[in-house]
């Protein structure tokens, strides 16, 4: 099976890049659907489940295994084998520090995708009823580009500046660094 993560492809919603719950849910749901399809086609499956992925898929591979064990799904998926490759495995410390300490971080649009995903899931970056919203954090025109290009998922990322901190208003990055959550 090849899961279509939430918000990807023709699906509705914003894709939650590297967000464990939505992407591992997509993977587990697709594995279950694959079993049903195999049964309908009279294809015999073994109990072995091999999950592999690269980049975001590597992260999803690890998150899916973690979820299977934490939620007690090992009876449903008894033989689990993993092949994660090049994923973001420590987003809260190693990757976070690398990105925040590196104003020339080359994949700087990733910062905005994570912010948009957190806002979509947790609704705690800014109050959706706040007329300023993301404007409290980003200078113009980056606030408007964030809404149209990142949240709008156009794939247009060439506008994200280097050094990337210049799009954030004063104090925002320090606020993120000092917030343990």
N, C-alpha and C. Protein backbone atom coordinates (compact mmCIF):
# COMPACT_ATOMS: atom_id res chain seq x y z
N UNK A 1 0.85 -1.18 0.00
CA UNK A 1 0.00 0.00 0.00
C UNK A 1 0.89 1.24 0.00
N UNK A 2 0.36 2.32 -0.49
CA UNK A 2 1.05 3.61 -0.47
C UNK A 2 0.05 4.61 0.09
N UNK A 3 0.17 4.95 1.37
CA UNK A 3 -0.83 5.86 1.96
C UNK A 3 -0.73 7.27 1.40
N UNK A 4 -1.88 7.87 1.30
CA UNK A 4 -2.01 9.26 0.89
C UNK A 4 -2.24 10.05 2.17
N UNK A 5 -1.20 10.68 2.68
CA UNK A 5 -1.31 11.38 3.95
C UNK A 5 -2.40 12.45 3.89
N UNK A 6 -2.95 12.75 5.04
CA UNK A 6 -4.00 13.75 5.18
C UNK A 6 -3.60 15.04 4.45
N UNK A 7 -4.49 15.52 3.60
CA UNK A 7 -4.25 16.78 2.90
C UNK A 7 -3.42 16.65 1.65
N UNK A 8 -2.93 15.47 1.35
CA UNK A 8 -2.13 15.27 0.13
C UNK A 8 -3.05 14.82 -1.00
N UNK A 9 -2.53 14.84 -2.20
CA UNK A 9 -3.30 14.36 -3.35
C UNK A 9 -4.57 15.15 -3.54
N UNK A 10 -5.65 14.44 -3.79
CA UNK A 10 -6.93 15.09 -4.04
C UNK A 10 -7.75 15.30 -2.77
N UNK A 11 -7.21 14.90 -1.63
CA UNK A 11 -7.95 15.02 -0.37
C UNK A 11 -8.12 16.46 0.06
N UNK A 12 -9.09 16.65 0.94
CA UNK A 12 -9.31 17.99 1.47
C UNK A 12 -8.43 18.19 2.70
N UNK A 13 -8.30 19.42 3.11
CA UNK A 13 -7.54 19.74 4.31
C UNK A 13 -6.10 20.08 4.03
N UNK A 14 -5.46 20.63 5.03
CA UNK A 14 -4.05 21.03 4.93
C UNK A 14 -3.18 19.83 5.31
N UNK A 15 -2.18 19.55 4.51
CA UNK A 15 -1.28 18.43 4.81
C UNK A 15 -0.45 18.75 6.05
N UNK A 16 -0.51 17.88 7.02
CA UNK A 16 0.21 18.05 8.29
C UNK A 16 1.60 17.43 8.16
N UNK A 17 2.51 18.17 7.58
CA UNK A 17 3.86 17.68 7.33
C UNK A 17 4.53 17.27 8.64
N UNK A 18 4.94 16.00 8.70
CA UNK A 18 5.64 15.43 9.85
C UNK A 18 4.85 15.49 11.15
N UNK A 19 3.54 15.47 11.07
CA UNK A 19 2.71 15.41 12.27
C UNK A 19 2.33 13.95 12.48
N UNK A 20 2.73 13.39 13.60
CA UNK A 20 2.65 11.94 13.77
C UNK A 20 1.25 11.37 13.75
N UNK A 21 0.29 11.98 14.41
CA UNK A 21 -1.02 11.35 14.54
C UNK A 21 -1.77 11.25 13.20
N UNK A 22 -1.81 12.32 12.44
CA UNK A 22 -2.56 12.27 11.19
C UNK A 22 -1.88 11.35 10.17
N UNK A 23 -0.56 11.42 10.06
CA UNK A 23 0.12 10.60 9.06
C UNK A 23 0.17 9.12 9.45
N UNK A 24 0.34 8.82 10.72
CA UNK A 24 0.32 7.41 11.13
C UNK A 24 -1.10 6.85 11.02
N UNK A 25 -2.11 7.68 11.27
CA UNK A 25 -3.49 7.24 11.07
C UNK A 25 -3.74 6.87 9.62
N UNK A 26 -3.25 7.70 8.70
CA UNK A 26 -3.40 7.41 7.28
C UNK A 26 -2.75 6.08 6.94
N UNK A 27 -1.59 5.83 7.50
CA UNK A 27 -0.86 4.59 7.21
C UNK A 27 -1.59 3.38 7.77
N UNK A 28 -2.02 3.44 9.01
CA UNK A 28 -2.72 2.32 9.63
C UNK A 28 -4.05 2.07 8.92
N UNK A 29 -4.78 3.13 8.60
CA UNK A 29 -6.05 2.97 7.87
C UNK A 29 -5.82 2.32 6.51
N UNK A 30 -4.74 2.71 5.83
CA UNK A 30 -4.46 2.15 4.51
C UNK A 30 -4.04 0.68 4.63
N UNK A 31 -3.30 0.33 5.69
CA UNK A 31 -2.94 -1.08 5.87
C UNK A 31 -4.19 -1.92 6.08
N UNK A 32 -5.13 -1.41 6.84
CA UNK A 32 -6.39 -2.13 7.06
C UNK A 32 -7.17 -2.26 5.75
N UNK A 33 -7.23 -1.19 4.99
CA UNK A 33 -7.93 -1.23 3.70
C UNK A 33 -7.23 -2.21 2.74
N UNK A 34 -5.89 -2.24 2.79
CA UNK A 34 -5.15 -3.19 1.96
C UNK A 34 -5.48 -4.63 2.29
N UNK A 35 -5.65 -4.91 3.57
CA UNK A 35 -6.05 -6.26 3.98
C UNK A 35 -7.42 -6.63 3.43
N UNK A 36 -8.36 -5.69 3.51
CA UNK A 36 -9.71 -5.95 3.00
C UNK A 36 -9.69 -6.17 1.49
N UNK A 37 -8.90 -5.38 0.79
CA UNK A 37 -8.78 -5.54 -0.66
C UNK A 37 -8.17 -6.89 -1.00
N UNK A 38 -7.11 -7.26 -0.28
CA UNK A 38 -6.47 -8.57 -0.53
C UNK A 38 -7.47 -9.70 -0.31
N UNK A 39 -8.27 -9.60 0.74
CA UNK A 39 -9.28 -10.64 1.01
C UNK A 39 -10.31 -10.69 -0.12
N UNK A 40 -10.75 -9.54 -0.58
CA UNK A 40 -11.74 -9.48 -1.66
C UNK A 40 -11.18 -10.05 -2.96
N UNK A 41 -9.87 -9.93 -3.16
CA UNK A 41 -9.22 -10.44 -4.37
C UNK A 41 -8.65 -11.85 -4.17
N UNK A 42 -8.94 -12.43 -3.02
CA UNK A 42 -8.43 -13.77 -2.68
C UNK A 42 -6.90 -13.84 -2.72
N UNK A 43 -6.27 -12.79 -2.23
CA UNK A 43 -4.81 -12.76 -2.12
C UNK A 43 -4.44 -13.06 -0.67
N UNK A 44 -3.65 -14.09 -0.48
CA UNK A 44 -3.26 -14.48 0.88
C UNK A 44 -2.09 -13.62 1.34
N UNK A 45 -2.22 -13.07 2.53
CA UNK A 45 -1.15 -12.26 3.11
C UNK A 45 -0.53 -12.99 4.29
N UNK A 46 0.72 -12.66 4.59
CA UNK A 46 1.37 -13.18 5.80
C UNK A 46 1.09 -12.21 6.93
N UNK A 47 1.57 -12.52 8.10
CA UNK A 47 1.44 -11.62 9.26
C UNK A 47 2.53 -10.55 9.27
N UNK A 48 3.49 -10.66 8.35
CA UNK A 48 4.59 -9.69 8.32
C UNK A 48 4.12 -8.36 7.73
N UNK A 49 4.44 -7.31 8.44
CA UNK A 49 4.15 -5.96 7.97
C UNK A 49 5.48 -5.23 7.87
N UNK A 50 5.80 -4.78 6.67
CA UNK A 50 7.04 -4.03 6.44
C UNK A 50 6.64 -2.60 6.11
N UNK A 51 7.12 -1.68 6.92
CA UNK A 51 6.83 -0.26 6.70
C UNK A 51 8.15 0.41 6.36
N UNK A 52 8.17 1.13 5.26
CA UNK A 52 9.37 1.84 4.87
C UNK A 52 8.99 3.20 4.30
N UNK A 53 9.91 4.11 4.36
CA UNK A 53 9.67 5.44 3.81
C UNK A 53 10.94 6.26 3.84
N UNK A 54 10.96 7.29 3.05
CA UNK A 54 12.12 8.17 2.95
C UNK A 54 11.67 9.60 3.24
N UNK A 55 12.50 10.35 3.93
CA UNK A 55 12.23 11.73 4.31
C UNK A 55 10.99 11.76 5.20
N UNK A 56 9.93 12.44 4.79
CA UNK A 56 8.73 12.45 5.63
C UNK A 56 8.22 11.02 5.82
N UNK A 57 8.37 10.18 4.80
CA UNK A 57 7.97 8.78 4.91
C UNK A 57 8.77 8.03 5.96
N UNK A 58 10.04 8.40 6.14
CA UNK A 58 10.84 7.79 7.20
C UNK A 58 10.32 8.16 8.57
N UNK A 59 9.94 9.40 8.72
CA UNK A 59 9.36 9.85 9.98
C UNK A 59 8.03 9.14 10.23
N UNK A 60 7.21 9.03 9.20
CA UNK A 60 5.92 8.36 9.33
C UNK A 60 6.12 6.89 9.67
N UNK A 61 7.14 6.26 9.10
CA UNK A 61 7.45 4.87 9.42
C UNK A 61 7.67 4.71 10.92
N UNK A 62 8.50 5.55 11.49
CA UNK A 62 8.78 5.47 12.93
C UNK A 62 7.54 5.81 13.76
N UNK A 63 6.80 6.85 13.34
CA UNK A 63 5.59 7.24 14.09
C UNK A 63 4.53 6.15 14.05
N UNK A 64 4.41 5.46 12.92
CA UNK A 64 3.42 4.40 12.81
C UNK A 64 3.76 3.24 13.73
N UNK A 65 5.03 2.85 13.76
CA UNK A 65 5.45 1.77 14.67
C UNK A 65 5.21 2.17 16.12
N UNK A 66 5.56 3.39 16.46
CA UNK A 66 5.35 3.89 17.83
C UNK A 66 3.87 3.82 18.19
N UNK A 67 3.04 4.23 17.27
CA UNK A 67 1.60 4.22 17.54
C UNK A 67 1.07 2.80 17.68
N UNK A 68 1.53 1.88 16.85
CA UNK A 68 1.10 0.48 16.94
C UNK A 68 1.42 -0.08 18.32
N UNK A 69 2.62 0.21 18.81
CA UNK A 69 3.00 -0.30 20.14
C UNK A 69 2.27 0.43 21.26
N UNK A 70 2.18 1.74 21.18
CA UNK A 70 1.54 2.51 22.26
C UNK A 70 0.04 2.26 22.36
N UNK A 71 -0.60 1.99 21.24
CA UNK A 71 -2.06 1.79 21.25
C UNK A 71 -2.44 0.32 21.31
N UNK A 72 -1.48 -0.55 21.54
CA UNK A 72 -1.77 -1.97 21.70
C UNK A 72 -2.29 -2.65 20.45
N UNK A 73 -1.77 -2.26 19.30
CA UNK A 73 -2.22 -2.84 18.04
C UNK A 73 -1.31 -3.98 17.57
N UNK A 74 -0.48 -4.50 18.47
CA UNK A 74 0.48 -5.54 18.06
C UNK A 74 -0.19 -6.87 17.74
N UNK A 75 -1.40 -7.10 18.23
CA UNK A 75 -2.11 -8.33 17.83
C UNK A 75 -2.57 -8.22 16.38
N UNK A 76 -2.95 -7.01 16.00
CA UNK A 76 -3.39 -6.77 14.63
C UNK A 76 -2.19 -6.75 13.66
N UNK A 77 -1.07 -6.25 14.14
CA UNK A 77 0.16 -6.16 13.33
C UNK A 77 1.29 -6.85 14.10
N UNK A 78 1.29 -8.20 14.15
CA UNK A 78 2.20 -8.93 15.05
C UNK A 78 3.67 -8.96 14.63
N UNK A 79 3.94 -8.94 13.35
CA UNK A 79 5.32 -8.99 12.89
C UNK A 79 5.63 -7.70 12.15
N UNK A 80 6.24 -6.77 12.84
CA UNK A 80 6.48 -5.44 12.30
C UNK A 80 7.95 -5.27 11.98
N UNK A 81 8.24 -4.90 10.74
CA UNK A 81 9.61 -4.64 10.29
C UNK A 81 9.64 -3.22 9.73
N UNK A 82 10.70 -2.49 10.07
CA UNK A 82 10.78 -1.09 9.68
C UNK A 82 12.01 -0.81 8.82
N UNK A 83 11.83 0.09 7.87
CA UNK A 83 12.92 0.56 7.04
C UNK A 83 12.83 2.06 6.87
N UNK A 84 12.98 2.83 7.97
CA UNK A 84 12.92 4.29 7.82
C UNK A 84 14.23 4.83 7.26
N UNK A 85 14.12 5.84 6.42
CA UNK A 85 15.33 6.42 5.83
C UNK A 85 15.22 7.94 5.82
N UNK A 86 16.25 8.58 6.31
CA UNK A 86 16.42 10.03 6.22
C UNK A 86 15.20 10.83 6.67
N UNK A 87 14.65 10.50 7.80
CA UNK A 87 13.50 11.24 8.30
C UNK A 87 13.88 12.23 9.37
N UNK A 88 12.93 13.05 9.73
CA UNK A 88 13.11 14.02 10.82
C UNK A 88 12.71 13.33 12.12
N UNK A 89 13.68 12.74 12.81
CA UNK A 89 13.37 11.88 13.94
C UNK A 89 13.40 12.58 15.29
N UNK A 90 13.96 13.76 15.39
CA UNK A 90 14.01 14.47 16.67
C UNK A 90 13.64 15.92 16.43
N UNK A 91 12.37 16.14 16.16
CA UNK A 91 11.91 17.48 15.81
C UNK A 91 11.95 18.46 16.97
N UNK A 92 11.84 17.96 18.20
CA UNK A 92 11.76 18.87 19.33
C UNK A 92 13.11 19.32 19.86
N UNK A 93 14.17 18.63 19.52
CA UNK A 93 15.47 19.08 20.02
C UNK A 93 16.48 19.25 18.89
N UNK A 94 16.98 18.15 18.38
CA UNK A 94 18.07 18.22 17.40
C UNK A 94 17.69 19.05 16.17
N UNK A 95 16.60 18.69 15.53
CA UNK A 95 16.18 19.42 14.33
C UNK A 95 15.76 20.85 14.69
N UNK A 96 15.03 20.99 15.78
CA UNK A 96 14.59 22.32 16.21
C UNK A 96 15.80 23.24 16.40
N UNK A 97 16.79 22.80 17.17
CA UNK A 97 17.98 23.62 17.43
C UNK A 97 18.75 23.90 16.15
N UNK A 98 18.88 22.90 15.29
CA UNK A 98 19.60 23.10 14.03
C UNK A 98 18.93 24.18 13.19
N UNK A 99 17.60 24.11 13.09
CA UNK A 99 16.88 25.08 12.26
C UNK A 99 16.92 26.47 12.88
N UNK A 100 16.57 26.57 14.15
CA UNK A 100 16.47 27.88 14.80
C UNK A 100 17.84 28.57 14.90
N UNK A 101 18.90 27.79 15.04
CA UNK A 101 20.24 28.36 15.16
C UNK A 101 20.89 28.64 13.80
N UNK A 102 20.22 28.31 12.71
CA UNK A 102 20.81 28.42 11.40
C UNK A 102 19.98 29.35 10.52
N UNK A 103 20.31 30.66 10.48
CA UNK A 103 19.52 31.60 9.68
C UNK A 103 19.58 31.30 8.18
N UNK A 104 20.52 30.47 7.77
CA UNK A 104 20.63 30.10 6.36
C UNK A 104 20.14 28.67 6.12
N UNK A 105 19.28 28.18 7.01
CA UNK A 105 18.71 26.84 6.86
C UNK A 105 18.11 26.74 5.46
N UNK A 106 18.60 25.79 4.65
CA UNK A 106 18.23 25.78 3.23
C UNK A 106 16.78 25.42 2.94
N UNK A 107 16.15 24.63 3.78
CA UNK A 107 14.76 24.21 3.53
C UNK A 107 13.83 25.02 4.42
N UNK A 108 13.99 26.32 4.36
CA UNK A 108 13.33 27.25 5.27
C UNK A 108 11.81 27.25 5.17
N UNK A 109 11.24 26.85 4.03
CA UNK A 109 9.78 26.78 3.91
C UNK A 109 9.21 25.75 4.88
N UNK A 110 10.03 24.79 5.29
CA UNK A 110 9.63 23.75 6.25
C UNK A 110 9.13 24.39 7.54
N UNK A 111 9.76 25.48 7.97
CA UNK A 111 9.36 26.20 9.18
C UNK A 111 7.90 26.64 9.07
N UNK A 112 7.54 27.14 7.91
CA UNK A 112 6.18 27.63 7.70
C UNK A 112 5.18 26.49 7.58
N UNK A 113 5.58 25.38 6.97
CA UNK A 113 4.68 24.22 6.87
C UNK A 113 4.40 23.64 8.26
N UNK A 114 5.42 23.59 9.10
CA UNK A 114 5.21 23.09 10.47
C UNK A 114 4.28 24.05 11.23
N UNK A 115 4.50 25.35 11.08
CA UNK A 115 3.63 26.33 11.75
C UNK A 115 2.19 26.18 11.27
N UNK A 116 1.98 26.02 9.98
CA UNK A 116 0.63 25.88 9.44
C UNK A 116 -0.01 24.58 9.91
N UNK A 117 0.76 23.51 9.98
CA UNK A 117 0.24 22.24 10.48
C UNK A 117 -0.15 22.33 11.94
N UNK A 118 0.69 22.95 12.75
CA UNK A 118 0.37 23.13 14.17
C UNK A 118 -0.89 23.97 14.35
N UNK A 119 -1.02 25.03 13.56
CA UNK A 119 -2.21 25.87 13.64
C UNK A 119 -3.45 25.08 13.24
N UNK A 120 -3.35 24.28 12.19
CA UNK A 120 -4.50 23.51 11.71
C UNK A 120 -4.93 22.46 12.74
N UNK A 121 -3.97 21.80 13.37
CA UNK A 121 -4.29 20.73 14.32
C UNK A 121 -4.66 21.28 15.70
N UNK A 122 -3.78 22.11 16.24
CA UNK A 122 -3.91 22.53 17.64
C UNK A 122 -4.60 23.87 17.83
N UNK A 123 -4.65 24.68 16.78
CA UNK A 123 -5.30 26.01 16.83
C UNK A 123 -4.71 26.89 17.93
N UNK A 124 -3.41 26.72 18.21
CA UNK A 124 -2.83 27.48 19.31
C UNK A 124 -1.69 28.41 18.90
N UNK A 125 -1.40 28.50 17.62
CA UNK A 125 -0.39 29.46 17.19
C UNK A 125 -0.98 30.87 17.26
N UNK A 126 -2.19 30.99 16.75
CA UNK A 126 -2.91 32.25 16.85
C UNK A 126 -4.40 31.93 16.87
N UNK A 127 -5.18 32.83 17.41
CA UNK A 127 -6.63 32.66 17.49
C UNK A 127 -7.20 32.85 16.08
N UNK A 128 -7.89 31.83 15.54
CA UNK A 128 -8.44 31.96 14.19
C UNK A 128 -9.41 33.13 14.03
N UNK A 129 -9.98 33.59 15.15
CA UNK A 129 -10.89 34.74 15.10
C UNK A 129 -10.16 36.07 15.18
N UNK A 130 -8.86 36.02 15.45
CA UNK A 130 -8.04 37.23 15.51
C UNK A 130 -7.88 37.77 14.09
N UNK A 131 -8.32 39.00 13.84
CA UNK A 131 -8.20 39.52 12.48
C UNK A 131 -6.75 39.65 12.02
N UNK A 132 -5.81 39.75 12.97
CA UNK A 132 -4.40 39.83 12.58
C UNK A 132 -3.82 38.45 12.29
N UNK A 133 -4.22 37.44 13.09
CA UNK A 133 -3.75 36.08 12.87
C UNK A 133 -2.25 35.99 12.73
N UNK A 134 -1.80 35.47 11.62
CA UNK A 134 -0.37 35.25 11.38
C UNK A 134 0.38 36.59 11.26
N UNK A 135 -0.33 37.69 11.04
CA UNK A 135 0.30 39.01 10.96
C UNK A 135 0.99 39.40 12.26
N UNK A 136 0.59 38.77 13.37
CA UNK A 136 1.26 39.04 14.64
C UNK A 136 2.68 38.48 14.65
N UNK A 137 2.97 37.58 13.72
CA UNK A 137 4.27 36.90 13.70
C UNK A 137 5.12 37.24 12.48
N UNK A 138 4.49 37.43 11.33
CA UNK A 138 5.23 37.63 10.09
C UNK A 138 5.03 39.05 9.55
N UNK A 139 6.13 39.60 9.02
CA UNK A 139 6.04 40.89 8.33
C UNK A 139 5.29 40.72 7.02
N UNK A 140 4.73 41.82 6.55
CA UNK A 140 4.15 41.86 5.22
C UNK A 140 5.29 41.91 4.21
N UNK A 141 5.30 41.23 3.13
CA UNK A 141 4.24 40.46 2.48
C UNK A 141 4.24 38.97 2.89
N UNK A 142 5.12 38.59 3.83
CA UNK A 142 5.25 37.18 4.19
C UNK A 142 3.98 36.63 4.83
N UNK A 143 3.25 37.47 5.55
CA UNK A 143 2.00 37.02 6.16
C UNK A 143 0.98 36.62 5.08
N UNK A 144 0.88 37.43 4.05
CA UNK A 144 -0.06 37.13 2.95
C UNK A 144 0.43 35.94 2.13
N UNK A 145 1.74 35.86 1.90
CA UNK A 145 2.29 34.72 1.15
C UNK A 145 2.13 33.42 1.94
N UNK A 146 2.25 33.51 3.26
CA UNK A 146 2.02 32.34 4.10
C UNK A 146 0.62 31.80 3.85
N UNK A 147 -0.37 32.69 3.87
CA UNK A 147 -1.76 32.26 3.68
C UNK A 147 -2.01 31.73 2.27
N UNK A 148 -1.53 32.45 1.27
CA UNK A 148 -1.84 32.05 -0.10
C UNK A 148 -1.00 30.87 -0.58
N UNK A 149 0.28 30.82 -0.23
CA UNK A 149 1.17 29.81 -0.80
C UNK A 149 1.37 28.59 0.10
N UNK A 150 1.52 28.81 1.41
CA UNK A 150 1.76 27.68 2.33
C UNK A 150 0.42 27.03 2.70
N UNK A 151 -0.47 27.81 3.30
CA UNK A 151 -1.78 27.26 3.67
C UNK A 151 -2.55 26.85 2.41
N UNK A 152 -2.38 27.60 1.34
CA UNK A 152 -3.03 27.28 0.07
C UNK A 152 -2.38 26.11 -0.65
N UNK A 153 -1.24 25.63 -0.15
CA UNK A 153 -0.52 24.45 -0.67
C UNK A 153 -0.29 24.53 -2.19
N UNK A 154 0.24 25.68 -2.62
CA UNK A 154 0.49 25.85 -4.06
C UNK A 154 1.79 25.19 -4.51
N UNK A 155 2.70 24.97 -3.56
CA UNK A 155 4.02 24.46 -3.91
C UNK A 155 5.00 25.56 -4.25
N UNK A 156 4.54 26.80 -4.32
CA UNK A 156 5.40 27.93 -4.60
C UNK A 156 6.10 28.34 -3.30
N UNK A 157 7.40 28.09 -3.22
CA UNK A 157 8.15 28.36 -2.00
C UNK A 157 9.36 29.27 -2.24
N UNK A 158 9.55 29.69 -3.47
CA UNK A 158 10.72 30.49 -3.82
C UNK A 158 10.77 31.85 -3.16
N UNK A 159 9.69 32.30 -2.62
CA UNK A 159 9.60 33.62 -1.99
C UNK A 159 10.13 33.62 -0.55
N UNK A 160 10.32 32.44 0.06
CA UNK A 160 10.76 32.39 1.46
C UNK A 160 12.21 32.87 1.51
N UNK A 161 12.49 33.94 2.28
CA UNK A 161 13.79 34.60 2.20
C UNK A 161 14.92 33.86 2.92
N UNK A 162 16.13 34.19 2.51
CA UNK A 162 17.35 33.81 3.22
C UNK A 162 18.06 35.11 3.55
N UNK A 163 18.44 35.32 4.77
CA UNK A 163 18.20 34.49 5.93
C UNK A 163 16.71 34.51 6.29
N UNK A 164 16.22 33.35 6.68
CA UNK A 164 14.78 33.20 6.94
C UNK A 164 14.26 34.02 8.12
N UNK A 165 15.07 34.33 9.17
CA UNK A 165 14.50 35.09 10.29
C UNK A 165 13.97 36.47 9.92
N UNK A 166 14.39 37.01 8.77
CA UNK A 166 13.94 38.36 8.40
C UNK A 166 12.44 38.45 8.12
N UNK A 167 11.77 37.32 7.94
CA UNK A 167 10.32 37.39 7.72
C UNK A 167 9.53 37.48 9.03
N UNK A 168 10.20 37.20 10.16
CA UNK A 168 9.52 37.20 11.46
C UNK A 168 9.69 38.54 12.17
N UNK A 169 8.64 38.95 12.83
CA UNK A 169 8.68 40.20 13.60
C UNK A 169 9.59 40.04 14.81
N UNK A 170 10.04 41.18 15.31
CA UNK A 170 10.96 41.19 16.45
C UNK A 170 10.38 40.46 17.65
N UNK A 171 11.19 39.61 18.26
CA UNK A 171 10.81 38.89 19.46
C UNK A 171 10.15 37.54 19.22
N UNK A 172 9.71 37.27 18.00
CA UNK A 172 8.98 36.02 17.72
C UNK A 172 9.90 34.81 17.89
N UNK A 173 11.08 34.87 17.32
CA UNK A 173 12.00 33.72 17.39
C UNK A 173 12.44 33.49 18.83
N UNK A 174 12.70 34.57 19.57
CA UNK A 174 13.06 34.44 20.98
C UNK A 174 11.91 33.84 21.78
N UNK A 175 10.69 34.21 21.44
CA UNK A 175 9.51 33.67 22.10
C UNK A 175 9.41 32.16 21.86
N UNK A 176 9.69 31.72 20.65
CA UNK A 176 9.66 30.29 20.31
C UNK A 176 10.77 29.55 21.05
N UNK A 177 11.96 30.14 21.09
CA UNK A 177 13.10 29.50 21.78
C UNK A 177 12.83 29.31 23.28
N UNK A 178 12.17 30.29 23.89
CA UNK A 178 12.00 30.25 25.35
C UNK A 178 10.75 29.49 25.78
N UNK A 179 9.90 29.09 24.84
CA UNK A 179 8.68 28.37 25.19
C UNK A 179 8.95 26.88 25.20
N UNK A 180 8.90 26.22 26.35
CA UNK A 180 9.21 24.79 26.39
C UNK A 180 8.19 23.91 25.66
N UNK A 181 7.03 24.45 25.31
CA UNK A 181 6.01 23.71 24.58
C UNK A 181 6.13 23.89 23.09
